[in-house]
Amino acid sequence: MYVPVYQDLREQSENRIIGFDLMLEHLHPNRTGYFHIGKSFYEAVAASGILDHEAEYQALRSWDEYFDEMKISELDERVAYHRVRRLTGGWPFVTGLSRTAAMEAAA
């Protein structure tokens, strides 16, 4: 089964460019990015028909409700915020800072 995650993320991104609206930096999805990846997998499974005899799709809530009920505590949000700030606070995310200086600052 093919899951079009890349295409779906592009559809959700501003100007069809996957950026900070869905990613923490250039590699890791943020909360919204993970939500859309999960949605892509669900939609691919539902479209494949492999669960038709077991799944009650009509009982599902709206996607907005699922997003609002993602279980991420305020502490988790704060820890993630500080980790991303540390990760993106130096080279290669900050121009004018040498790689050596950035590595020393991160240590």
PDB file of N, CA and C in Angstrom:
ATOM      1  N   MET A   1       0.843  -1.169   0.000  1.00  0.00           N
ATOM      2  CA  MET A   1       0.000   0.000   0.000  1.00  0.00           C
ATOM      3  C   MET A   1       0.899   1.246   0.000  1.00  0.00           C
ATOM      4  N   TYR A   2       0.606   2.166  -0.846  1.00  0.00           N
ATOM      5  CA  TYR A   2       1.344   3.422  -0.956  1.00  0.00           C
ATOM      6  C   TYR A   2       0.642   4.491  -0.119  1.00  0.00           C
ATOM      7  N   VAL A   3       1.413   5.228   0.676  1.00  0.00           N
ATOM      8  CA  VAL A   3       0.879   6.324   1.480  1.00  0.00           C
ATOM      9  C   VAL A   3       1.553   7.610   1.000  1.00  0.00           C
ATOM     10  N   PRO A   4       0.800   8.520   0.411  1.00  0.00           N
ATOM     11  CA  PRO A   4       1.386   9.729  -0.193  1.00  0.00           C
ATOM     12  C   PRO A   4       1.677  10.838   0.829  1.00  0.00           C
ATOM     13  N   VAL A   5       2.512  10.549   1.814  1.00  0.00           N
ATOM     14  CA  VAL A   5       2.790  11.503   2.883  1.00  0.00           C
ATOM     15  C   VAL A   5       3.402  12.788   2.333  1.00  0.00           C
ATOM     16  N   TYR A   6       4.407  12.660   1.490  1.00  0.00           N
ATOM     17  CA  TYR A   6       5.069  13.858   0.955  1.00  0.00           C
ATOM     18  C   TYR A   6       4.072  14.746   0.204  1.00  0.00           C
ATOM     19  N   GLN A   7       3.275  14.146  -0.644  1.00  0.00           N
ATOM     20  CA  GLN A   7       2.299  14.919  -1.414  1.00  0.00           C
ATOM     21  C   GLN A   7       1.263  15.565  -0.486  1.00  0.00           C
ATOM     22  N   ASP A   8       0.816  14.824   0.524  1.00  0.00           N
ATOM     23  CA  ASP A   8      -0.171  15.375   1.453  1.00  0.00           C
ATOM     24  C   ASP A   8       0.413  16.535   2.269  1.00  0.00           C
ATOM     25  N   LEU A   9       1.668  16.394   2.706  1.00  0.00           N
ATOM     26  CA  LEU A   9       2.288  17.497   3.440  1.00  0.00           C
ATOM     27  C   LEU A   9       2.447  18.729   2.549  1.00  0.00           C
ATOM     28  N   ARG A  10       2.791  18.521   1.285  1.00  0.00           N
ATOM     29  CA  ARG A  10       2.892  19.666   0.368  1.00  0.00           C
ATOM     30  C   ARG A  10       1.545  20.352   0.212  1.00  0.00           C
ATOM     31  N   GLU A  11       0.478  19.560   0.147  1.00  0.00           N
ATOM     32  CA  GLU A  11      -0.868  20.141   0.009  1.00  0.00           C
ATOM     33  C   GLU A  11      -1.242  20.996   1.224  1.00  0.00           C
ATOM     34  N   GLN A  12      -0.748  20.634   2.393  1.00  0.00           N
ATOM     35  CA  GLN A  12      -1.071  21.353   3.621  1.00  0.00           C
ATOM     36  C   GLN A  12      -0.157  22.553   3.857  1.00  0.00           C
ATOM     37  N   SER A  13       0.920  22.655   3.108  1.00  0.00           N
ATOM     38  CA  SER A  13       1.924  23.695   3.327  1.00  0.00           C
ATOM     39  C   SER A  13       1.619  24.967   2.565  1.00  0.00           C
ATOM     40  N   GLU A  14       2.076  26.059   3.131  1.00  0.00           N
ATOM     41  CA  GLU A  14       1.939  27.342   2.469  1.00  0.00           C
ATOM     42  C   GLU A  14       2.766  27.333   1.186  1.00  0.00           C
ATOM     43  N   ASN A  15       2.173  27.719   0.088  1.00  0.00           N
ATOM     44  CA  ASN A  15       2.807  27.745  -1.229  1.00  0.00           C
ATOM     45  C   ASN A  15       3.348  26.385  -1.659  1.00  0.00           C
ATOM     46  N   ARG A  16       2.795  25.305  -1.086  1.00  0.00           N
ATOM     47  CA  ARG A  16       3.193  23.925  -1.402  1.00  0.00           C
ATOM     48  C   ARG A  16       4.679  23.666  -1.123  1.00  0.00           C
ATOM     49  N   ILE A  17       5.242  24.429  -0.183  1.00  0.00           N
ATOM     50  CA  ILE A  17       6.626  24.246   0.238  1.00  0.00           C
ATOM     51  C   ILE A  17       6.594  23.820   1.703  1.00  0.00           C
ATOM     52  N   ILE A  18       7.058  22.609   1.988  1.00  0.00           N
ATOM     53  CA  ILE A  18       7.029  22.100   3.355  1.00  0.00           C
ATOM     54  C   ILE A  18       8.046  22.888   4.172  1.00  0.00           C
ATOM     55  N   GLY A  19       7.543  23.607   5.173  1.00  0.00           N
ATOM     56  CA  GLY A  19       8.417  24.466   5.969  1.00  0.00           C
ATOM     57  C   GLY A  19       8.051  24.434   7.434  1.00  0.00           C
ATOM     58  N   PHE A  20       8.293  25.549   8.115  1.00  0.00           N
ATOM     59  CA  PHE A  20       8.104  25.615   9.561  1.00  0.00           C
ATOM     60  C   PHE A  20       6.650  25.459   9.990  1.00  0.00           C
ATOM     61  N   ASP A  21       5.707  25.540   9.075  1.00  0.00           N
ATOM     62  CA  ASP A  21       4.319  25.302   9.460  1.00  0.00           C
ATOM     63  C   ASP A  21       4.083  23.827   9.796  1.00  0.00           C
ATOM     64  N   LEU A  22       4.934  22.934   9.269  1.00  0.00           N
ATOM     65  CA  LEU A  22       4.790  21.498   9.514  1.00  0.00           C
ATOM     66  C   LEU A  22       6.058  20.846  10.072  1.00  0.00           C
ATOM     67  N   MET A  23       7.167  21.555  10.066  1.00  0.00           N
ATOM     68  CA  MET A  23       8.436  20.969  10.488  1.00  0.00           C
ATOM     69  C   MET A  23       9.080  21.809  11.587  1.00  0.00           C
ATOM     70  N   LEU A  24       9.798  21.137  12.494  1.00  0.00           N
ATOM     71  CA  LEU A  24      10.532  21.849  13.542  1.00  0.00           C
ATOM     72  C   LEU A  24      11.742  22.549  12.959  1.00  0.00           C
ATOM     73  N   GLU A  25      12.418  21.868  12.079  1.00  0.00           N
ATOM     74  CA  GLU A  25      13.553  22.408  11.335  1.00  0.00           C
ATOM     75  C   GLU A  25      13.507  21.693   9.992  1.00  0.00           C
ATOM     76  N   HIS A  26      14.562  21.313   9.424  1.00  0.00           N
ATOM     77  CA  HIS A  26      14.527  20.732   8.081  1.00  0.00           C
ATOM     78  C   HIS A  26      14.183  19.254   8.048  1.00  0.00           C
ATOM     79  N   LEU A  27      14.066  18.592   9.195  1.00  0.00           N
ATOM     80  CA  LEU A  27      13.945  17.140   9.195  1.00  0.00           C
ATOM     81  C   LEU A  27      12.782  16.585  10.000  1.00  0.00           C
ATOM     82  N   HIS A  28      12.505  17.138  11.161  1.00  0.00           N
ATOM     83  CA  HIS A  28      11.540  16.551  12.082  1.00  0.00           C
ATOM     84  C   HIS A  28      10.196  17.276  12.030  1.00  0.00           C
ATOM     85  N   PRO A  29       9.107  16.514  11.922  1.00  0.00           N
ATOM     86  CA  PRO A  29       7.777  17.141  11.917  1.00  0.00           C
ATOM     87  C   PRO A  29       7.447  17.751  13.277  1.00  0.00           C
ATOM     88  N   ASN A  30       6.655  18.806  13.251  1.00  0.00           N
ATOM     89  CA  ASN A  30       6.124  19.359  14.489  1.00  0.00           C
ATOM     90  C   ASN A  30       4.776  18.683  14.774  1.00  0.00           C
ATOM     91  N   ARG A  31       4.069  19.161  15.745  1.00  0.00           N
ATOM     92  CA  ARG A  31       2.783  18.556  16.126  1.00  0.00           C
ATOM     93  C   ARG A  31       1.820  18.502  14.930  1.00  0.00           C
ATOM     94  N   THR A  32       1.708  19.601  14.214  1.00  0.00           N
ATOM     95  CA  THR A  32       0.819  19.651  13.056  1.00  0.00           C
ATOM     96  C   THR A  32       1.294  18.712  11.959  1.00  0.00           C
ATOM     97  N   GLY A  33       2.601  18.645  11.745  1.00  0.00           N
ATOM     98  CA  GLY A  33       3.157  17.740  10.748  1.00  0.00           C
ATOM     99  C   GLY A  33       2.849  16.289  11.066  1.00  0.00           C
ATOM    100  N   TYR A  34       3.060  15.898  12.334  1.00  0.00           N
ATOM    101  CA  TYR A  34       2.749  14.527  12.733  1.00  0.00           C
ATOM    102  C   TYR A  34       1.266  14.224  12.568  1.00  0.00           C
ATOM    103  N   PHE A  35       0.429  15.196  12.874  1.00  0.00           N
ATOM    104  CA  PHE A  35      -1.012  15.006  12.701  1.00  0.00           C
ATOM    105  C   PHE A  35      -1.340  14.685  11.240  1.00  0.00           C
ATOM    106  N   HIS A  36      -0.783  15.454  10.320  1.00  0.00           N
ATOM    107  CA  HIS A  36      -1.070  15.231   8.900  1.00  0.00           C
ATOM    108  C   HIS A  36      -0.460  13.932   8.381  1.00  0.00           C
ATOM    109  N   ILE A  37       0.684  13.525   8.923  1.00  0.00           N
ATOM    110  CA  ILE A  37       1.258  12.227   8.547  1.00  0.00           C
ATOM    111  C   ILE A  37       0.318  11.109   8.988  1.00  0.00           C
ATOM    112  N   GLY A  38      -0.171  11.183  10.220  1.00  0.00           N
ATOM    113  CA  GLY A  38      -1.120  10.186  10.713  1.00  0.00           C
ATOM    114  C   GLY A  38      -2.392  10.152   9.892  1.00  0.00           C
ATOM    115  N   LYS A  39      -2.874  11.335   9.531  1.00  0.00           N
ATOM    116  CA  LYS A  39      -4.081  11.424   8.701  1.00  0.00           C
ATOM    117  C   LYS A  39      -3.845  10.778   7.339  1.00  0.00           C
ATOM    118  N   SER A  40      -2.679  10.988   6.768  1.00  0.00           N
ATOM    119  CA  SER A  40      -2.341  10.375   5.470  1.00  0.00           C
ATOM    120  C   SER A  40      -2.377   8.853   5.561  1.00  0.00           C
ATOM    121  N   PHE A  41      -1.811   8.315   6.649  1.00  0.00           N
ATOM    122  CA  PHE A  41      -1.821   6.858   6.824  1.00  0.00           C
ATOM    123  C   PHE A  41      -3.245   6.341   7.003  1.00  0.00           C
ATOM    124  N   TYR A  42      -4.041   7.031   7.813  1.00  0.00           N
ATOM    125  CA  TYR A  42      -5.430   6.616   7.994  1.00  0.00           C
ATOM    126  C   TYR A  42      -6.163   6.592   6.653  1.00  0.00           C
ATOM    127  N   GLU A  43      -6.047   7.666   5.895  1.00  0.00           N
ATOM    128  CA  GLU A  43      -6.764   7.756   4.625  1.00  0.00           C
ATOM    129  C   GLU A  43      -6.323   6.673   3.649  1.00  0.00           C
ATOM    130  N   ALA A  44      -5.029   6.336   3.647  1.00  0.00           N
ATOM    131  CA  ALA A  44      -4.539   5.270   2.761  1.00  0.00           C
ATOM    132  C   ALA A  44      -5.092   3.915   3.180  1.00  0.00           C
ATOM    133  N   VAL A  45      -5.138   3.652   4.473  1.00  0.00           N
ATOM    134  CA  VAL A  45      -5.692   2.384   4.962  1.00  0.00           C
ATOM    135  C   VAL A  45      -7.186   2.310   4.651  1.00  0.00           C
ATOM    136  N   ALA A  46      -7.899   3.393   4.913  1.00  0.00           N
ATOM    137  CA  ALA A  46      -9.339   3.407   4.649  1.00  0.00           C
ATOM    138  C   ALA A  46      -9.628   3.209   3.160  1.00  0.00           C
ATOM    139  N   ALA A  47      -8.837   3.852   2.303  1.00  0.00           N
ATOM    140  CA  ALA A  47      -9.048   3.736   0.851  1.00  0.00           C
ATOM    141  C   ALA A  47      -8.684   2.350   0.333  1.00  0.00           C
ATOM    142  N   SER A  48      -7.780   1.668   1.004  1.00  0.00           N
ATOM    143  CA  SER A  48      -7.351   0.345   0.532  1.00  0.00           C
ATOM    144  C   SER A  48      -8.428  -0.719   0.716  1.00  0.00           C
ATOM    145  N   GLY A  49      -9.321  -0.502   1.677  1.00  0.00           N
ATOM    146  CA  GLY A  49     -10.382  -1.475   1.925  1.00  0.00           C
ATOM    147  C   GLY A  49      -9.962  -2.650   2.789  1.00  0.00           C
ATOM    148  N   ILE A  50      -8.749  -2.668   3.287  1.00  0.00           N
ATOM    149  CA  ILE A  50      -8.301  -3.838   4.051  1.00  0.00           C
ATOM    150  C   ILE A  50      -8.993  -3.958   5.412  1.00  0.00           C
ATOM    151  N   LEU A  51      -9.606  -2.902   5.900  1.00  0.00           N
ATOM    152  CA  LEU A  51     -10.308  -2.958   7.183  1.00  0.00           C
ATOM    153  C   LEU A  51     -11.819  -2.814   7.049  1.00  0.00           C
ATOM    154  N   ASP A  52     -12.350  -2.891   5.846  1.00  0.00           N
ATOM    155  CA  ASP A  52     -13.773  -2.639   5.653  1.00  0.00           C
ATOM    156  C   ASP A  52     -14.669  -3.508   6.524  1.00  0.00           C
ATOM    157  N   HIS A  53     -14.306  -4.743   6.739  1.00  0.00           N
ATOM    158  CA  HIS A  53     -15.163  -5.617   7.535  1.00  0.00           C
ATOM    159  C   HIS A  53     -15.002  -5.381   9.041  1.00  0.00           C
ATOM    160  N   GLU A  54     -13.996  -4.633   9.466  1.00  0.00           N
ATOM    161  CA  GLU A  54     -13.740  -4.410  10.885  1.00  0.00           C
ATOM    162  C   GLU A  54     -13.938  -2.957  11.330  1.00  0.00           C
ATOM    163  N   ALA A  55     -13.788  -2.020  10.451  1.00  0.00           N
ATOM    164  CA  ALA A  55     -13.800  -0.603  10.833  1.00  0.00           C
ATOM    165  C   ALA A  55     -15.185   0.009  10.684  1.00  0.00           C
ATOM    166  N   GLU A  56     -15.532   0.845  11.657  1.00  0.00           N
ATOM    167  CA  GLU A  56     -16.784   1.599  11.599  1.00  0.00           C
ATOM    168  C   GLU A  56     -16.437   3.057  11.322  1.00  0.00           C
ATOM    169  N   TYR A  57     -16.198   3.365  10.066  1.00  0.00           N
ATOM    170  CA  TYR A  57     -15.749   4.696   9.683  1.00  0.00           C
ATOM    171  C   TYR A  57     -16.776   5.777   9.997  1.00  0.00           C
ATOM    172  N   GLN A  58     -18.048   5.445   9.986  1.00  0.00           N
ATOM    173  CA  GLN A  58     -19.086   6.434  10.245  1.00  0.00           C
ATOM    174  C   GLN A  58     -19.060   6.929  11.694  1.00  0.00           C
ATOM    175  N   ALA A  59     -18.402   6.188  12.591  1.00  0.00           N
ATOM    176  CA  ALA A  59     -18.337   6.574  14.000  1.00  0.00           C
ATOM    177  C   ALA A  59     -17.220   7.572  14.283  1.00  0.00           C
ATOM    178  N   LEU A  60     -16.457   7.919  13.291  1.00  0.00           N
ATOM    179  CA  LEU A  60     -15.333   8.815  13.500  1.00  0.00           C
ATOM    180  C   LEU A  60     -15.784  10.261  13.705  1.00  0.00           C
ATOM    181  N   ARG A  61     -14.979  10.993  14.449  1.00  0.00           N
ATOM    182  CA  ARG A  61     -15.234  12.417  14.663  1.00  0.00           C
ATOM    183  C   ARG A  61     -14.550  13.228  13.560  1.00  0.00           C
ATOM    184  N   SER A  62     -14.645  14.543  13.666  1.00  0.00           N
ATOM    185  CA  SER A  62     -14.014  15.395  12.660  1.00  0.00           C
ATOM    186  C   SER A  62     -12.505  15.430  12.901  1.00  0.00           C
ATOM    187  N   TRP A  63     -11.754  15.762  11.844  1.00  0.00           N
ATOM    188  CA  TRP A  63     -10.301  15.863  11.976  1.00  0.00           C
ATOM    189  C   TRP A  63      -9.916  16.971  12.953  1.00  0.00           C
ATOM    190  N   ASP A  64     -10.681  18.053  12.972  1.00  0.00           N
ATOM    191  CA  ASP A  64     -10.401  19.140  13.919  1.00  0.00           C
ATOM    192  C   ASP A  64     -10.498  18.655  15.365  1.00  0.00           C
ATOM    193  N   GLU A  65     -11.488  17.819  15.649  1.00  0.00           N
ATOM    194  CA  GLU A  65     -11.620  17.274  17.009  1.00  0.00           C
ATOM    195  C   GLU A  65     -10.420  16.407  17.369  1.00  0.00           C
ATOM    196  N   TYR A  66      -9.978  15.584  16.427  1.00  0.00           N
ATOM    197  CA  TYR A  66      -8.810  14.747  16.703  1.00  0.00           C
ATOM    198  C   TYR A  66      -7.567  15.595  16.947  1.00  0.00           C
ATOM    199  N   PHE A  67      -7.393  16.641  16.164  1.00  0.00           N
ATOM    200  CA  PHE A  67      -6.230  17.510  16.368  1.00  0.00           C
ATOM    201  C   PHE A  67      -6.290  18.172  17.738  1.00  0.00           C
ATOM    202  N   ASP A  68      -7.465  18.690  18.091  1.00  0.00           N
ATOM    203  CA  ASP A  68      -7.621  19.375  19.377  1.00  0.00           C
ATOM    204  C   ASP A  68      -7.402  18.445  20.566  1.00  0.00           C
ATOM    205  N   GLU A  69      -7.627  17.159  20.378  1.00  0.00           N
ATOM    206  CA  GLU A  69      -7.507  16.206  21.482  1.00  0.00           C
ATOM    207  C   GLU A  69      -6.183  15.443  21.493  1.00  0.00           C
ATOM    208  N   MET A  70      -5.219  15.883  20.707  1.00  0.00           N
ATOM    209  CA  MET A  70      -3.901  15.245  20.757  1.00  0.00           C
ATOM    210  C   MET A  70      -3.347  15.405  22.161  1.00  0.00           C
ATOM    211  N   LYS A  71      -2.859  14.345  22.713  1.00  0.00           N
ATOM    212  CA  LYS A  71      -2.413  14.343  24.109  1.00  0.00           C
ATOM    213  C   LYS A  71      -0.963  14.803  24.222  1.00  0.00           C
ATOM    214  N   ILE A  72      -0.787  16.105  24.239  1.00  0.00           N
ATOM    215  CA  ILE A  72       0.531  16.704  24.434  1.00  0.00           C
ATOM    216  C   ILE A  72       0.380  17.698  25.580  1.00  0.00           C
ATOM    217  N   SER A  73       1.074  17.433  26.675  1.00  0.00           N
ATOM    218  CA  SER A  73       0.938  18.283  27.857  1.00  0.00           C
ATOM    219  C   SER A  73       1.659  19.616  27.649  1.00  0.00           C
ATOM    220  N   GLU A  74       1.346  20.572  28.531  1.00  0.00           N
ATOM    221  CA  GLU A  74       2.035  21.859  28.478  1.00  0.00           C
ATOM    222  C   GLU A  74       3.528  21.678  28.722  1.00  0.00           C
ATOM    223  N   LEU A  75       3.884  20.733  29.602  1.00  0.00           N
ATOM    224  CA  LEU A  75       5.297  20.465  29.860  1.00  0.00           C
ATOM    225  C   LEU A  75       5.966  19.931  28.597  1.00  0.00           C
ATOM    226  N   ASP A  76       5.320  18.992  27.910  1.00  0.00           N
ATOM    227  CA  ASP A  76       5.864  18.464  26.653  1.00  0.00           C
ATOM    228  C   ASP A  76       6.072  19.583  25.641  1.00  0.00           C
ATOM    229  N   GLU A  77       5.094  20.467  25.529  1.00  0.00           N
ATOM    230  CA  GLU A  77       5.196  21.596  24.594  1.00  0.00           C
ATOM    231  C   GLU A  77       6.386  22.487  24.963  1.00  0.00           C
ATOM    232  N   ARG A  78       6.574  22.739  26.236  1.00  0.00           N
ATOM    233  CA  ARG A  78       7.653  23.619  26.684  1.00  0.00           C
ATOM    234  C   ARG A  78       9.027  22.991  26.456  1.00  0.00           C
ATOM    235  N   VAL A  79       9.143  21.703  26.773  1.00  0.00           N
ATOM    236  CA  VAL A  79      10.402  20.988  26.544  1.00  0.00           C
ATOM    237  C   VAL A  79      10.740  20.999  25.058  1.00  0.00           C
ATOM    238  N   ALA A  80       9.745  20.700  24.222  1.00  0.00           N
ATOM    239  CA  ALA A  80       9.969  20.698  22.775  1.00  0.00           C
ATOM    240  C   ALA A  80      10.395  22.083  22.297  1.00  0.00           C
ATOM    241  N   TYR A  81       9.740  23.121  22.796  1.00  0.00           N
ATOM    242  CA  TYR A  81      10.083  24.488  22.413  1.00  0.00           C
ATOM    243  C   TYR A  81      11.554  24.782  22.701  1.00  0.00           C
ATOM    244  N   HIS A  82      12.023  24.442  23.902  1.00  0.00           N
ATOM    245  CA  HIS A  82      13.409  24.728  24.269  1.00  0.00           C
ATOM    246  C   HIS A  82      14.398  23.865  23.489  1.00  0.00           C
ATOM    247  N   ARG A  83      14.056  22.630  23.222  1.00  0.00           N
ATOM    248  CA  ARG A  83      14.952  21.780  22.432  1.00  0.00           C
ATOM    249  C   ARG A  83      15.096  22.309  21.007  1.00  0.00           C
ATOM    250  N   VAL A  84      14.002  22.749  20.436  1.00  0.00           N
ATOM    251  CA  VAL A  84      14.061  23.287  19.072  1.00  0.00           C
ATOM    252  C   VAL A  84      14.836  24.594  19.059  1.00  0.00           C
ATOM    253  N   ARG A  85      14.622  25.436  20.055  1.00  0.00           N
ATOM    254  CA  ARG A  85      15.379  26.694  20.127  1.00  0.00           C
ATOM    255  C   ARG A  85      16.876  26.422  20.212  1.00  0.00           C
ATOM    256  N   ARG A  86      17.259  25.436  21.002  1.00  0.00           N
ATOM    257  CA  ARG A  86      18.681  25.100  21.120  1.00  0.00           C
ATOM    258  C   ARG A  86      19.209  24.535  19.807  1.00  0.00           C
ATOM    259  N   LEU A  87      18.421  23.657  19.195  1.00  0.00           N
ATOM    260  CA  LEU A  87      18.834  23.033  17.938  1.00  0.00           C
ATOM    261  C   LEU A  87      18.999  24.062  16.824  1.00  0.00           C
ATOM    262  N   THR A  88      18.073  24.997  16.729  1.00  0.00           N
ATOM    263  CA  THR A  88      18.088  25.955  15.625  1.00  0.00           C
ATOM    264  C   THR A  88      18.779  27.270  15.989  1.00  0.00           C
ATOM    265  N   GLY A  89      19.385  27.337  17.160  1.00  0.00           N
ATOM    266  CA  GLY A  89      20.028  28.570  17.598  1.00  0.00           C
ATOM    267  C   GLY A  89      21.450  28.748  17.098  1.00  0.00           C
ATOM    268  N   GLY A  90      21.956  27.781  16.384  1.00  0.00           N
ATOM    269  CA  GLY A  90      23.327  27.865  15.891  1.00  0.00           C
ATOM    270  C   GLY A  90      23.432  27.400  14.457  1.00  0.00           C
ATOM    271  N   TRP A  91      24.657  27.131  14.057  1.00  0.00           N
ATOM    272  CA  TRP A  91      24.934  26.683  12.701  1.00  0.00           C
ATOM    273  C   TRP A  91      24.196  25.392  12.419  1.00  0.00           C
ATOM    274  N   PRO A  92      23.631  25.166  11.276  1.00  0.00           N
ATOM    275  CA  PRO A  92      23.594  25.997  10.073  1.00  0.00           C
ATOM    276  C   PRO A  92      22.389  26.923  10.010  1.00  0.00           C
ATOM    277  N   PHE A  93      21.622  27.021  11.100  1.00  0.00           N
ATOM    278  CA  PHE A  93      20.395  27.809  11.093  1.00  0.00           C
ATOM    279  C   PHE A  93      20.633  29.292  11.304  1.00  0.00           C
ATOM    280  N   VAL A  94      21.747  29.636  11.934  1.00  0.00           N
ATOM    281  CA  VAL A  94      22.078  31.037  12.170  1.00  0.00           C
ATOM    282  C   VAL A  94      23.234  31.400  11.256  1.00  0.00           C
ATOM    283  N   THR A  95      23.009  32.348  10.374  1.00  0.00           N
ATOM    284  CA  THR A  95      24.065  32.755   9.452  1.00  0.00           C
ATOM    285  C   THR A  95      25.076  33.635  10.170  1.00  0.00           C
ATOM    286  N   GLY A  96      26.292  33.591   9.700  1.00  0.00           N
ATOM    287  CA  GLY A  96      27.349  34.403  10.284  1.00  0.00           C
ATOM    288  C   GLY A  96      28.042  33.739  11.467  1.00  0.00           C
ATOM    289  N   LEU A  97      27.554  32.591  11.875  1.00  0.00           N
ATOM    290  CA  LEU A  97      28.159  31.860  12.995  1.00  0.00           C
ATOM    291  C   LEU A  97      28.915  30.690  12.405  1.00  0.00           C
ATOM    292  N   SER A  98      30.189  30.592  12.709  1.00  0.00           N
ATOM    293  CA  SER A  98      30.979  29.492  12.147  1.00  0.00           C
ATOM    294  C   SER A  98      30.545  28.177  12.758  1.00  0.00           C
ATOM    295  N   ARG A  99      30.824  27.122  12.067  1.00  0.00           N
ATOM    296  CA  ARG A  99      30.456  25.795  12.550  1.00  0.00           C
ATOM    297  C   ARG A  99      31.155  25.500  13.883  1.00  0.00           C
ATOM    298  N   THR A 100      32.410  25.870  13.987  1.00  0.00           N
ATOM    299  CA  THR A 100      33.179  25.639  15.215  1.00  0.00           C
ATOM    300  C   THR A 100      32.563  26.408  16.383  1.00  0.00           C
ATOM    301  N   ALA A 101      32.258  27.679  16.174  1.00  0.00           N
ATOM    302  CA  ALA A 101      31.659  28.495  17.244  1.00  0.00           C
ATOM    303  C   ALA A 101      30.309  27.951  17.643  1.00  0.00           C
ATOM    304  N   ALA A 102      29.524  27.490  16.695  1.00  0.00           N
ATOM    305  CA  ALA A 102      28.207  26.941  16.988  1.00  0.00           C
ATOM    306  C   ALA A 102      28.325  25.655  17.792  1.00  0.00           C
ATOM    307  N   MET A 103      29.287  24.807  17.444  1.00  0.00           N
ATOM    308  CA  MET A 103      29.468  23.560  18.163  1.00  0.00           C
ATOM    309  C   MET A 103      29.950  23.827  19.592  1.00  0.00           C
ATOM    310  N   GLU A 104      30.801  24.838  19.771  1.00  0.00           N
ATOM    311  CA  GLU A 104      31.273  25.195  21.106  1.00  0.00           C
ATOM    312  C   GLU A 104      30.130  25.779  21.940  1.00  0.00           C
ATOM    313  N   ALA A 105      29.271  26.560  21.338  1.00  0.00           N
ATOM    314  CA  ALA A 105      28.140  27.146  22.038  1.00  0.00           C
ATOM    315  C   ALA A 105      27.124  26.090  22.455  1.00  0.00           C
ATOM    316  N   ALA A 106      26.994  25.034  21.651  1.00  0.00           N
ATOM    317  CA  ALA A 106      26.030  23.971  21.941  1.00  0.00           C
ATOM    318  C   ALA A 106      26.532  23.019  23.012  1.00  0.00           C
ATOM    319  N   ALA A 107      27.839  22.999  23.260  1.00  0.00           N
ATOM    320  CA  ALA A 107      28.413  22.052  24.226  1.00  0.00           C
ATOM    321  C   ALA A 107      28.116  22.435  25.651  1.00  0.00           C
TER     322      ALA A 107
END
